[in-house]
Protein backbone atom coordinates (compact mmCIF):
# COMPACT_ATOMS: atom_id res chain seq x y z
CA UNK A 1 0.00 0.00 0.00
CA UNK A 2 1.41 3.36 -1.02
CA UNK A 3 1.70 6.09 1.58
CA UNK A 4 1.99 8.94 -0.91
CA UNK A 5 0.33 12.20 0.05
CA UNK A 6 -0.86 14.54 -2.65
CA UNK A 7 -1.36 18.09 -1.56
CA UNK A 8 -4.68 19.67 -2.48
CA UNK A 9 -5.17 23.29 -3.44
CA UNK A 10 -8.33 25.29 -2.84
CA UNK A 11 -9.01 28.27 -5.08
CA UNK A 12 -11.28 30.88 -3.48
CA UNK A 13 -12.74 34.11 -4.82
CA UNK A 14 -15.40 36.70 -4.09
CA UNK A 15 -16.08 40.41 -4.51
CA UNK A 16 -13.65 41.21 -1.68
CA UNK A 17 -10.64 39.27 -3.00
CA UNK A 18 -9.13 35.91 -3.87
CA UNK A 19 -6.61 33.34 -2.74
CA UNK A 20 -5.25 29.79 -2.84
CA UNK A 21 -5.06 27.55 0.20
CA UNK A 22 -3.65 24.10 0.97
CA UNK A 23 -5.81 23.62 4.04
CA UNK A 24 -9.60 23.27 3.78
CA UNK A 25 -10.20 24.69 7.27
CA UNK A 26 -8.24 27.85 6.49
CA UNK A 27 -9.93 28.17 3.10
CA UNK A 28 -13.37 27.88 4.71
CA UNK A 29 -12.43 30.46 7.36
CA UNK A 30 -11.14 32.98 4.80
CA UNK A 31 -14.15 32.36 2.57
CA UNK A 32 -16.58 33.14 5.37
CA UNK A 33 -14.63 36.07 6.83
CA UNK A 34 -13.23 37.85 3.80
CA UNK A 35 -14.48 36.69 0.42
CA UNK A 36 -17.69 38.74 0.37
CA UNK A 37 -20.62 38.33 -1.97
CA UNK A 38 -20.73 35.92 -4.90
CA UNK A 39 -17.90 33.85 -3.46
CA UNK A 40 -16.94 30.23 -3.96
CA UNK A 41 -14.18 27.73 -3.26
CA UNK A 42 -13.11 24.69 -5.29
CA UNK A 43 -10.56 21.90 -4.69
CA UNK A 44 -7.81 21.08 -7.20
CA UNK A 45 -4.96 18.58 -7.43
CA UNK A 46 -2.42 21.22 -8.46
CA UNK A 47 -1.55 24.86 -7.91
CA UNK A 48 -1.85 25.95 -11.55
CA UNK A 49 -5.49 24.86 -11.88
CA UNK A 50 -6.40 26.52 -8.56
CA UNK A 51 -4.65 29.72 -9.66
CA UNK A 52 -6.45 29.79 -13.02
CA UNK A 53 -9.80 29.14 -11.32
CA UNK A 54 -9.45 31.74 -8.54
CA UNK A 55 -8.07 34.50 -10.79
CA UNK A 56 -10.50 33.83 -13.63
CA UNK A 57 -13.59 33.64 -11.46
CA UNK A 58 -12.51 36.71 -9.49
CA UNK A 59 -12.21 38.69 -12.74
CA UNK A 60 -15.69 37.52 -13.82
CA UNK A 61 -17.29 38.45 -10.48
CA UNK A 62 -15.60 41.86 -10.39
CA UNK A 63 -16.59 42.63 -13.99
CA UNK A 64 -20.22 41.75 -13.26
CA UNK A 65 -20.72 43.14 -9.74
CA UNK A 66 -18.04 45.82 -9.34
CA UNK A 67 -17.11 46.98 -12.86
CA UNK A 68 -15.93 50.34 -11.52
CA UNK A 69 -13.04 48.63 -9.66
CA UNK A 70 -10.15 48.07 -12.07
CA UNK A 71 -7.47 45.79 -10.63
CA UNK A 72 -4.64 43.81 -12.20
CA UNK A 73 -4.65 40.33 -10.65
CA UNK A 74 -1.16 38.89 -9.99
CA UNK A 75 -0.08 36.12 -12.39
CA UNK A 76 0.78 33.82 -9.49
CA UNK A 77 -1.22 34.04 -6.29
CA UNK A 78 0.55 33.37 -2.98
CA UNK A 79 -0.42 30.19 -1.15
CA UNK A 80 -2.42 30.35 2.10
CA UNK A 81 -2.97 34.08 1.79
CA UNK A 82 -6.18 35.91 0.90
CA UNK A 83 -5.58 39.01 -1.23
CA UNK A 84 -8.12 41.67 -0.37
CA UNK A 85 -9.44 43.84 -3.22
CA UNK A 86 -8.92 47.10 -1.31
CA UNK A 87 -5.30 46.18 -0.58
CA UNK A 88 -4.59 45.35 -4.24
CA UNK A 89 -6.17 48.63 -5.31
CA UNK A 90 -4.16 50.58 -2.73
CA UNK A 91 -0.89 48.97 -3.83
CA UNK A 92 -1.63 49.78 -7.47
CA UNK A 93 -2.35 53.40 -6.59
CA UNK A 94 0.79 53.61 -4.50
CA UNK A 95 2.86 52.17 -7.34
CA UNK A 96 1.44 54.64 -9.87
CA UNK A 97 2.54 57.60 -7.70
CA UNK A 98 6.24 56.69 -7.96
PDB file of N, CA and C in Angstrom:
ATOM      1  N   UNK A   1       0.849  -1.185   0.000  1.00  0.00           N
ATOM      2  CA  UNK A   1       0.000   0.000   0.000  1.00  0.00           C
ATOM      3  C   UNK A   1       0.893   1.247   0.000  1.00  0.00           C
ATOM      4  N   UNK A   2       0.610   2.139  -0.899  1.00  0.00           N
ATOM      5  CA  UNK A   2       1.405   3.360  -1.022  1.00  0.00           C
ATOM      6  C   UNK A   2       0.983   4.384   0.025  1.00  0.00           C
ATOM      7  N   UNK A   3       1.972   5.071   0.578  1.00  0.00           N
ATOM      8  CA  UNK A   3       1.697   6.090   1.581  1.00  0.00           C
ATOM      9  C   UNK A   3       1.972   7.478   1.003  1.00  0.00           C
ATOM     10  N   UNK A   4       1.714   7.641  -0.282  1.00  0.00           N
ATOM     11  CA  UNK A   4       1.986   8.935  -0.914  1.00  0.00           C
ATOM     12  C   UNK A   4       0.864   9.926  -0.593  1.00  0.00           C
ATOM     13  N   UNK A   5       1.276  11.118  -0.282  1.00  0.00           N
ATOM     14  CA  UNK A   5       0.334  12.195   0.051  1.00  0.00           C
ATOM     15  C   UNK A   5       0.374  13.223  -1.063  1.00  0.00           C
ATOM     16  N   UNK A   6      -0.779  13.521  -1.614  1.00  0.00           N
ATOM     17  CA  UNK A   6      -0.860  14.538  -2.651  1.00  0.00           C
ATOM     18  C   UNK A   6      -1.538  15.765  -2.072  1.00  0.00           C
ATOM     19  N   UNK A   7      -0.817  16.855  -2.097  1.00  0.00           N
ATOM     20  CA  UNK A   7      -1.358  18.093  -1.559  1.00  0.00           C
ATOM     21  C   UNK A   7      -2.506  18.587  -2.427  1.00  0.00           C
ATOM     22  N   UNK A   8      -3.526  19.091  -1.783  1.00  0.00           N
ATOM     23  CA  UNK A   8      -4.683  19.671  -2.476  1.00  0.00           C
ATOM     24  C   UNK A   8      -4.580  21.183  -2.402  1.00  0.00           C
ATOM     25  N   UNK A   9      -5.158  21.833  -3.383  1.00  0.00           N
ATOM     26  CA  UNK A   9      -5.175  23.293  -3.441  1.00  0.00           C
ATOM     27  C   UNK A   9      -6.618  23.737  -3.577  1.00  0.00           C
ATOM     28  N   UNK A  10      -6.976  24.756  -2.824  1.00  0.00           N
ATOM     29  CA  UNK A  10      -8.334  25.289  -2.844  1.00  0.00           C
ATOM     30  C   UNK A  10      -8.292  26.720  -3.371  1.00  0.00           C
ATOM     31  N   UNK A  11      -8.908  26.933  -4.521  1.00  0.00           N
ATOM     32  CA  UNK A  11      -9.013  28.271  -5.084  1.00  0.00           C
ATOM     33  C   UNK A  11     -10.268  28.929  -4.540  1.00  0.00           C
ATOM     34  N   UNK A  12     -10.146  30.164  -4.052  1.00  0.00           N
ATOM     35  CA  UNK A  12     -11.283  30.880  -3.476  1.00  0.00           C
ATOM     36  C   UNK A  12     -11.340  32.287  -4.063  1.00  0.00           C
ATOM     37  N   UNK A  13     -12.561  32.763  -4.281  1.00  0.00           N
ATOM     38  CA  UNK A  13     -12.743  34.109  -4.818  1.00  0.00           C
ATOM     39  C   UNK A  13     -14.058  34.682  -4.328  1.00  0.00           C
ATOM     40  N   UNK A  14     -14.181  35.985  -4.422  1.00  0.00           N
ATOM     41  CA  UNK A  14     -15.402  36.701  -4.090  1.00  0.00           C
ATOM     42  C   UNK A  14     -15.201  38.172  -4.424  1.00  0.00           C
ATOM     43  N   UNK A  15     -16.186  38.989  -4.169  1.00  0.00           N
ATOM     44  CA  UNK A  15     -16.075  40.407  -4.515  1.00  0.00           C
ATOM     45  C   UNK A  15     -15.040  41.134  -3.666  1.00  0.00           C
ATOM     46  N   UNK A  16     -14.626  40.552  -2.539  1.00  0.00           N
ATOM     47  CA  UNK A  16     -13.645  41.214  -1.679  1.00  0.00           C
ATOM     48  C   UNK A  16     -12.215  40.750  -1.908  1.00  0.00           C
ATOM     49  N   UNK A  17     -11.999  39.732  -2.740  1.00  0.00           N
ATOM     50  CA  UNK A  17     -10.645  39.267  -2.996  1.00  0.00           C
ATOM     51  C   UNK A  17     -10.577  37.827  -3.446  1.00  0.00           C
ATOM     52  N   UNK A  18      -9.349  37.270  -3.396  1.00  0.00           N
ATOM     53  CA  UNK A  18      -9.132  35.911  -3.867  1.00  0.00           C
ATOM     54  C   UNK A  18      -7.907  35.312  -3.202  1.00  0.00           C
ATOM     55  N   UNK A  19      -7.761  33.996  -3.315  1.00  0.00           N
ATOM     56  CA  UNK A  19      -6.605  33.336  -2.740  1.00  0.00           C
ATOM     57  C   UNK A  19      -6.553  31.864  -3.076  1.00  0.00           C
ATOM     58  N   UNK A  20      -5.443  31.225  -2.683  1.00  0.00           N
ATOM     59  CA  UNK A  20      -5.246  29.793  -2.841  1.00  0.00           C
ATOM     60  C   UNK A  20      -4.768  29.249  -1.499  1.00  0.00           C
ATOM     61  N   UNK A  21      -5.379  28.143  -1.093  1.00  0.00           N
ATOM     62  CA  UNK A  21      -5.056  27.545   0.200  1.00  0.00           C
ATOM     63  C   UNK A  21      -4.768  26.062   0.049  1.00  0.00           C
ATOM     64  N   UNK A  22      -3.948  25.530   0.957  1.00  0.00           N
ATOM     65  CA  UNK A  22      -3.651  24.099   0.966  1.00  0.00           C
ATOM     66  C   UNK A  22      -4.341  23.404   2.123  1.00  0.00           C
ATOM     67  N   UNK A  23      -5.126  24.145   2.871  1.00  0.00           N
ATOM     68  CA  UNK A  23      -5.815  23.616   4.037  1.00  0.00           C
ATOM     69  C   UNK A  23      -7.288  24.001   3.938  1.00  0.00           C
ATOM     70  N   UNK A  24      -8.176  22.997   3.945  1.00  0.00           N
ATOM     71  CA  UNK A  24      -9.601  23.266   3.785  1.00  0.00           C
ATOM     72  C   UNK A  24     -10.153  24.134   4.917  1.00  0.00           C
ATOM     73  N   UNK A  25      -9.712  23.900   6.135  1.00  0.00           N
ATOM     74  CA  UNK A  25     -10.199  24.693   7.269  1.00  0.00           C
ATOM     75  C   UNK A  25      -9.869  26.165   7.116  1.00  0.00           C
ATOM     76  N   UNK A  26      -8.653  26.457   6.712  1.00  0.00           N
ATOM     77  CA  UNK A  26      -8.243  27.848   6.493  1.00  0.00           C
ATOM     78  C   UNK A  26      -9.001  28.461   5.319  1.00  0.00           C
ATOM     79  N   UNK A  27      -9.172  27.679   4.265  1.00  0.00           N
ATOM     80  CA  UNK A  27      -9.927  28.167   3.103  1.00  0.00           C
ATOM     81  C   UNK A  27     -11.356  28.530   3.516  1.00  0.00           C
ATOM     82  N   UNK A  28     -11.992  27.641   4.259  1.00  0.00           N
ATOM     83  CA  UNK A  28     -13.370  27.878   4.709  1.00  0.00           C
ATOM     84  C   UNK A  28     -13.456  29.123   5.588  1.00  0.00           C
ATOM     85  N   UNK A  29     -12.469  29.289   6.466  1.00  0.00           N
ATOM     86  CA  UNK A  29     -12.435  30.455   7.357  1.00  0.00           C
ATOM     87  C   UNK A  29     -12.303  31.746   6.543  1.00  0.00           C
ATOM     88  N   UNK A  30     -11.356  31.783   5.621  1.00  0.00           N
ATOM     89  CA  UNK A  30     -11.141  32.977   4.801  1.00  0.00           C
ATOM     90  C   UNK A  30     -12.355  33.260   3.922  1.00  0.00           C
ATOM     91  N   UNK A  31     -12.960  32.211   3.403  1.00  0.00           N
ATOM     92  CA  UNK A  31     -14.154  32.361   2.572  1.00  0.00           C
ATOM     93  C   UNK A  31     -15.275  33.025   3.355  1.00  0.00           C
ATOM     94  N   UNK A  32     -15.484  32.578   4.575  1.00  0.00           N
ATOM     95  CA  UNK A  32     -16.585  33.139   5.369  1.00  0.00           C
ATOM     96  C   UNK A  32     -16.268  34.528   5.922  1.00  0.00           C
ATOM     97  N   UNK A  33     -14.988  34.792   6.224  1.00  0.00           N
ATOM     98  CA  UNK A  33     -14.633  36.073   6.833  1.00  0.00           C
ATOM     99  C   UNK A  33     -14.335  37.178   5.821  1.00  0.00           C
ATOM    100  N   UNK A  34     -13.747  36.829   4.687  1.00  0.00           N
ATOM    101  CA  UNK A  34     -13.228  37.854   3.798  1.00  0.00           C
ATOM    102  C   UNK A  34     -13.786  37.885   2.388  1.00  0.00           C
ATOM    103  N   UNK A  35     -14.189  36.768   1.850  1.00  0.00           N
ATOM    104  CA  UNK A  35     -14.482  36.691   0.418  1.00  0.00           C
ATOM    105  C   UNK A  35     -15.603  37.615  -0.051  1.00  0.00           C
ATOM    106  N   UNK A  36     -16.611  37.829   0.761  1.00  0.00           N
ATOM    107  CA  UNK A  36     -17.686  38.735   0.366  1.00  0.00           C
ATOM    108  C   UNK A  36     -18.750  38.043  -0.456  1.00  0.00           C
ATOM    109  N   UNK A  37     -19.508  38.841  -1.165  1.00  0.00           N
ATOM    110  CA  UNK A  37     -20.616  38.325  -1.966  1.00  0.00           C
ATOM    111  C   UNK A  37     -20.110  37.543  -3.169  1.00  0.00           C
ATOM    112  N   UNK A  38     -20.983  36.679  -3.676  1.00  0.00           N
ATOM    113  CA  UNK A  38     -20.731  35.925  -4.903  1.00  0.00           C
ATOM    114  C   UNK A  38     -19.412  35.166  -4.826  1.00  0.00           C
ATOM    115  N   UNK A  39     -19.166  34.539  -3.685  1.00  0.00           N
ATOM    116  CA  UNK A  39     -17.900  33.849  -3.456  1.00  0.00           C
ATOM    117  C   UNK A  39     -18.064  32.337  -3.621  1.00  0.00           C
ATOM    118  N   UNK A  40     -16.934  31.666  -3.814  1.00  0.00           N
ATOM    119  CA  UNK A  40     -16.940  30.229  -3.962  1.00  0.00           C
ATOM    120  C   UNK A  40     -15.535  29.697  -3.714  1.00  0.00           C
ATOM    121  N   UNK A  41     -15.453  28.395  -3.475  1.00  0.00           N
ATOM    122  CA  UNK A  41     -14.177  27.727  -3.258  1.00  0.00           C
ATOM    123  C   UNK A  41     -14.253  26.374  -3.953  1.00  0.00           C
ATOM    124  N   UNK A  42     -13.139  25.962  -4.583  1.00  0.00           N
ATOM    125  CA  UNK A  42     -13.111  24.688  -5.292  1.00  0.00           C
ATOM    126  C   UNK A  42     -11.761  24.018  -5.075  1.00  0.00           C
ATOM    127  N   UNK A  43     -11.782  22.676  -4.946  1.00  0.00           N
ATOM    128  CA  UNK A  43     -10.564  21.905  -4.691  1.00  0.00           C
ATOM    129  C   UNK A  43      -9.928  21.446  -6.012  1.00  0.00           C
ATOM    130  N   UNK A  44      -8.581  21.505  -6.034  1.00  0.00           N
ATOM    131  CA  UNK A  44      -7.808  21.083  -7.198  1.00  0.00           C
ATOM    132  C   UNK A  44      -6.633  20.220  -6.769  1.00  0.00           C
ATOM    133  N   UNK A  45      -6.111  19.434  -7.704  1.00  0.00           N
ATOM    134  CA  UNK A  45      -4.956  18.583  -7.431  1.00  0.00           C
ATOM    135  C   UNK A  45      -3.635  19.307  -7.634  1.00  0.00           C
ATOM    136  N   UNK A  46      -3.680  20.500  -8.237  1.00  0.00           N
ATOM    137  CA  UNK A  46      -2.421  21.223  -8.459  1.00  0.00           C
ATOM    138  C   UNK A  46      -2.637  22.733  -8.355  1.00  0.00           C
ATOM    139  N   UNK A  47      -1.533  23.408  -8.099  1.00  0.00           N
ATOM    140  CA  UNK A  47      -1.549  24.862  -7.910  1.00  0.00           C
ATOM    141  C   UNK A  47      -2.032  25.596  -9.156  1.00  0.00           C
ATOM    142  N   UNK A  48      -1.524  25.214 -10.323  1.00  0.00           N
ATOM    143  CA  UNK A  48      -1.851  25.949 -11.549  1.00  0.00           C
ATOM    144  C   UNK A  48      -3.352  26.004 -11.818  1.00  0.00           C
ATOM    145  N   UNK A  49      -4.047  24.872 -11.654  1.00  0.00           N
ATOM    146  CA  UNK A  49      -5.493  24.862 -11.879  1.00  0.00           C
ATOM    147  C   UNK A  49      -6.231  25.717 -10.850  1.00  0.00           C
ATOM    148  N   UNK A  50      -5.774  25.685  -9.602  1.00  0.00           N
ATOM    149  CA  UNK A  50      -6.395  26.517  -8.560  1.00  0.00           C
ATOM    150  C   UNK A  50      -6.171  27.996  -8.854  1.00  0.00           C
ATOM    151  N   UNK A  51      -4.986  28.335  -9.320  1.00  0.00           N
ATOM    152  CA  UNK A  51      -4.648  29.717  -9.655  1.00  0.00           C
ATOM    153  C   UNK A  51      -5.512  30.220 -10.814  1.00  0.00           C
ATOM    154  N   UNK A  52      -5.635  29.415 -11.856  1.00  0.00           N
ATOM    155  CA  UNK A  52      -6.453  29.786 -13.021  1.00  0.00           C
ATOM    156  C   UNK A  52      -7.912  29.968 -12.604  1.00  0.00           C
ATOM    157  N   UNK A  53      -8.420  29.059 -11.789  1.00  0.00           N
ATOM    158  CA  UNK A  53      -9.800  29.135 -11.317  1.00  0.00           C
ATOM    159  C   UNK A  53     -10.043  30.400 -10.504  1.00  0.00           C
ATOM    160  N   UNK A  54      -9.229  30.612  -9.452  1.00  0.00           N
ATOM    161  CA  UNK A  54      -9.449  31.744  -8.541  1.00  0.00           C
ATOM    162  C   UNK A  54      -9.322  33.073  -9.277  1.00  0.00           C
ATOM    163  N   UNK A  55      -8.281  33.233 -10.075  1.00  0.00           N
ATOM    164  CA  UNK A  55      -8.067  34.498 -10.786  1.00  0.00           C
ATOM    165  C   UNK A  55      -9.146  34.729 -11.836  1.00  0.00           C
ATOM    166  N   UNK A  56      -9.484  33.689 -12.577  1.00  0.00           N
ATOM    167  CA  UNK A  56     -10.501  33.828 -13.628  1.00  0.00           C
ATOM    168  C   UNK A  56     -11.878  34.142 -13.074  1.00  0.00           C
ATOM    169  N   UNK A  57     -12.280  33.407 -12.061  1.00  0.00           N
ATOM    170  CA  UNK A  57     -13.594  33.643 -11.458  1.00  0.00           C
ATOM    171  C   UNK A  57     -13.649  35.002 -10.763  1.00  0.00           C
ATOM    172  N   UNK A  58     -12.560  35.395 -10.137  1.00  0.00           N
ATOM    173  CA  UNK A  58     -12.506  36.711  -9.491  1.00  0.00           C
ATOM    174  C   UNK A  58     -12.728  37.812 -10.536  1.00  0.00           C
ATOM    175  N   UNK A  59     -12.035  37.699 -11.664  1.00  0.00           N
ATOM    176  CA  UNK A  59     -12.207  38.695 -12.741  1.00  0.00           C
ATOM    177  C   UNK A  59     -13.656  38.752 -13.223  1.00  0.00           C
ATOM    178  N   UNK A  60     -14.288  37.573 -13.376  1.00  0.00           N
ATOM    179  CA  UNK A  60     -15.689  37.516 -13.821  1.00  0.00           C
ATOM    180  C   UNK A  60     -16.614  38.202 -12.819  1.00  0.00           C
ATOM    181  N   UNK A  61     -16.447  37.882 -11.538  1.00  0.00           N
ATOM    182  CA  UNK A  61     -17.290  38.453 -10.484  1.00  0.00           C
ATOM    183  C   UNK A  61     -17.115  39.969 -10.416  1.00  0.00           C
ATOM    184  N   UNK A  62     -15.863  40.418 -10.479  1.00  0.00           N
ATOM    185  CA  UNK A  62     -15.603  41.855 -10.394  1.00  0.00           C
ATOM    186  C   UNK A  62     -16.190  42.590 -11.607  1.00  0.00           C
ATOM    187  N   UNK A  63     -16.055  42.004 -12.775  1.00  0.00           N
ATOM    188  CA  UNK A  63     -16.588  42.631 -13.987  1.00  0.00           C
ATOM    189  C   UNK A  63     -18.113  42.758 -13.906  1.00  0.00           C
ATOM    190  N   UNK A  64     -18.764  41.748 -13.341  1.00  0.00           N
ATOM    191  CA  UNK A  64     -20.221  41.747 -13.260  1.00  0.00           C
ATOM    192  C   UNK A  64     -20.762  42.608 -12.119  1.00  0.00           C
ATOM    193  N   UNK A  65     -20.159  42.499 -10.929  1.00  0.00           N
ATOM    194  CA  UNK A  65     -20.723  43.137  -9.743  1.00  0.00           C
ATOM    195  C   UNK A  65     -20.020  44.418  -9.305  1.00  0.00           C
ATOM    196  N   UNK A  66     -18.775  44.605  -9.699  1.00  0.00           N
ATOM    197  CA  UNK A  66     -18.037  45.823  -9.336  1.00  0.00           C
ATOM    198  C   UNK A  66     -17.206  46.301 -10.531  1.00  0.00           C
ATOM    199  N   UNK A  67     -17.857  46.618 -11.644  1.00  0.00           N
ATOM    200  CA  UNK A  67     -17.114  46.985 -12.855  1.00  0.00           C
ATOM    201  C   UNK A  67     -16.310  48.277 -12.725  1.00  0.00           C
ATOM    202  N   UNK A  68     -16.631  49.078 -11.739  1.00  0.00           N
ATOM    203  CA  UNK A  68     -15.927  50.341 -11.519  1.00  0.00           C
ATOM    204  C   UNK A  68     -14.579  50.132 -10.828  1.00  0.00           C
ATOM    205  N   UNK A  69     -14.312  48.935 -10.322  1.00  0.00           N
ATOM    206  CA  UNK A  69     -13.041  48.635  -9.659  1.00  0.00           C
ATOM    207  C   UNK A  69     -12.127  47.948 -10.681  1.00  0.00           C
ATOM    208  N   UNK A  70     -11.091  48.617 -11.087  1.00  0.00           N
ATOM    209  CA  UNK A  70     -10.149  48.073 -12.070  1.00  0.00           C
ATOM    210  C   UNK A  70      -8.882  47.637 -11.348  1.00  0.00           C
ATOM    211  N   UNK A  71      -8.624  46.334 -11.344  1.00  0.00           N
ATOM    212  CA  UNK A  71      -7.470  45.792 -10.631  1.00  0.00           C
ATOM    213  C   UNK A  71      -6.764  44.768 -11.502  1.00  0.00           C
ATOM    214  N   UNK A  72      -5.441  44.820 -11.510  1.00  0.00           N
ATOM    215  CA  UNK A  72      -4.642  43.814 -12.197  1.00  0.00           C
ATOM    216  C   UNK A  72      -4.363  42.687 -11.198  1.00  0.00           C
ATOM    217  N   UNK A  73      -4.845  41.499 -11.516  1.00  0.00           N
ATOM    218  CA  UNK A  73      -4.653  40.335 -10.648  1.00  0.00           C
ATOM    219  C   UNK A  73      -3.251  39.780 -10.882  1.00  0.00           C
ATOM    220  N   UNK A  74      -2.506  39.465  -9.817  1.00  0.00           N
ATOM    221  CA  UNK A  74      -1.160  38.892  -9.993  1.00  0.00           C
ATOM    222  C   UNK A  74      -1.199  37.608 -10.808  1.00  0.00           C
ATOM    223  N   UNK A  75      -0.151  37.343 -11.585  1.00  0.00           N
ATOM    224  CA  UNK A  75      -0.085  36.118 -12.392  1.00  0.00           C
ATOM    225  C   UNK A  75      -0.042  34.873 -11.515  1.00  0.00           C
ATOM    226  N   UNK A  76       0.690  34.949 -10.412  1.00  0.00           N
ATOM    227  CA  UNK A  76       0.779  33.825  -9.493  1.00  0.00           C
ATOM    228  C   UNK A  76       0.353  34.284  -8.099  1.00  0.00           C
ATOM    229  N   UNK A  77      -0.701  33.683  -7.612  1.00  0.00           N
ATOM    230  CA  UNK A  77      -1.220  34.036  -6.292  1.00  0.00           C
ATOM    231  C   UNK A  77      -0.404  33.344  -5.205  1.00  0.00           C
ATOM    232  N   UNK A  78      -0.163  34.019  -4.085  1.00  0.00           N
ATOM    233  CA  UNK A  78       0.551  33.368  -2.978  1.00  0.00           C
ATOM    234  C   UNK A  78      -0.321  32.277  -2.355  1.00  0.00           C
ATOM    235  N   UNK A  79       0.312  31.291  -1.776  1.00  0.00           N
ATOM    236  CA  UNK A  79      -0.421  30.189  -1.152  1.00  0.00           C
ATOM    237  C   UNK A  79      -0.724  30.525   0.305  1.00  0.00           C
ATOM    238  N   UNK A  80      -1.935  30.151   0.723  1.00  0.00           N
ATOM    239  CA  UNK A  80      -2.419  30.355   2.098  1.00  0.00           C
ATOM    240  C   UNK A  80      -2.452  31.826   2.494  1.00  0.00           C
ATOM    241  N   UNK A  81      -2.874  32.640   1.559  1.00  0.00           N
ATOM    242  CA  UNK A  81      -2.969  34.081   1.788  1.00  0.00           C
ATOM    243  C   UNK A  81      -4.133  34.617   0.964  1.00  0.00           C
ATOM    244  N   UNK A  82      -5.041  35.336   1.601  1.00  0.00           N
ATOM    245  CA  UNK A  82      -6.184  35.912   0.899  1.00  0.00           C
ATOM    246  C   UNK A  82      -5.851  37.353   0.521  1.00  0.00           C
ATOM    247  N   UNK A  83      -5.884  37.659  -0.759  1.00  0.00           N
ATOM    248  CA  UNK A  83      -5.578  39.011  -1.230  1.00  0.00           C
ATOM    249  C   UNK A  83      -6.875  39.809  -1.256  1.00  0.00           C
ATOM    250  N   UNK A  84      -6.919  40.861  -0.491  1.00  0.00           N
ATOM    251  CA  UNK A  84      -8.123  41.675  -0.374  1.00  0.00           C
ATOM    252  C   UNK A  84      -8.136  42.736  -1.470  1.00  0.00           C
ATOM    253  N   UNK A  85      -9.284  42.904  -2.107  1.00  0.00           N
ATOM    254  CA  UNK A  85      -9.437  43.844  -3.217  1.00  0.00           C
ATOM    255  C   UNK A  85      -8.942  45.233  -2.862  1.00  0.00           C
ATOM    256  N   UNK A  86      -9.316  45.738  -1.698  1.00  0.00           N
ATOM    257  CA  UNK A  86      -8.918  47.100  -1.305  1.00  0.00           C
ATOM    258  C   UNK A  86      -7.407  47.219  -1.176  1.00  0.00           C
ATOM    259  N   UNK A  87      -6.757  46.159  -0.716  1.00  0.00           N
ATOM    260  CA  UNK A  87      -5.300  46.180  -0.578  1.00  0.00           C
ATOM    261  C   UNK A  87      -4.648  46.197  -1.949  1.00  0.00           C
ATOM    262  N   UNK A  88      -5.142  45.357  -2.878  1.00  0.00           N
ATOM    263  CA  UNK A  88      -4.592  45.347  -4.243  1.00  0.00           C
ATOM    264  C   UNK A  88      -4.740  46.714  -4.885  1.00  0.00           C
ATOM    265  N   UNK A  89      -5.907  47.322  -4.723  1.00  0.00           N
ATOM    266  CA  UNK A  89      -6.174  48.628  -5.307  1.00  0.00           C
ATOM    267  C   UNK A  89      -5.233  49.678  -4.711  1.00  0.00           C
ATOM    268  N   UNK A  90      -5.050  49.631  -3.397  1.00  0.00           N
ATOM    269  CA  UNK A  90      -4.165  50.576  -2.725  1.00  0.00           C
ATOM    270  C   UNK A  90      -2.729  50.427  -3.169  1.00  0.00           C
ATOM    271  N   UNK A  91      -2.259  49.197  -3.367  1.00  0.00           N
ATOM    272  CA  UNK A  91      -0.887  48.973  -3.828  1.00  0.00           C
ATOM    273  C   UNK A  91      -0.696  49.472  -5.256  1.00  0.00           C
ATOM    274  N   UNK A  92      -1.717  49.273  -6.098  1.00  0.00           N
ATOM    275  CA  UNK A  92      -1.633  49.783  -7.475  1.00  0.00           C
ATOM    276  C   UNK A  92      -1.538  51.302  -7.475  1.00  0.00           C
ATOM    277  N   UNK A  93      -2.367  51.938  -6.659  1.00  0.00           N
ATOM    278  CA  UNK A  93      -2.352  53.398  -6.595  1.00  0.00           C
ATOM    279  C   UNK A  93      -1.022  53.914  -6.055  1.00  0.00           C
ATOM    280  N   UNK A  94      -0.488  53.246  -5.061  1.00  0.00           N
ATOM    281  CA  UNK A  94       0.792  53.614  -4.497  1.00  0.00           C
ATOM    282  C   UNK A  94       1.904  53.487  -5.547  1.00  0.00           C
ATOM    283  N   UNK A  95       1.869  52.389  -6.300  1.00  0.00           N
ATOM    284  CA  UNK A  95       2.859  52.168  -7.340  1.00  0.00           C
ATOM    285  C   UNK A  95       2.781  53.184  -8.464  1.00  0.00           C
ATOM    286  N   UNK A  96       1.587  53.673  -8.774  1.00  0.00           N
ATOM    287  CA  UNK A  96       1.445  54.642  -9.866  1.00  0.00           C
ATOM    288  C   UNK A  96       1.906  56.040  -9.465  1.00  0.00           C
ATOM    289  N   UNK A  97       2.104  56.272  -8.172  1.00  0.00           N
ATOM    290  CA  UNK A  97       2.544  57.596  -7.702  1.00  0.00           C
ATOM    291  C   UNK A  97       4.057  57.730  -7.687  1.00  0.00           C
ATOM    292  N   UNK A  98       4.764  56.641  -7.972  1.00  0.00           N
ATOM    293  CA  UNK A  98       6.241  56.686  -7.964  1.00  0.00           C
ATOM    294  C   UNK A  98       6.769  57.366  -9.181  1.00  0.00           C
TER     295      UNK A  98
END
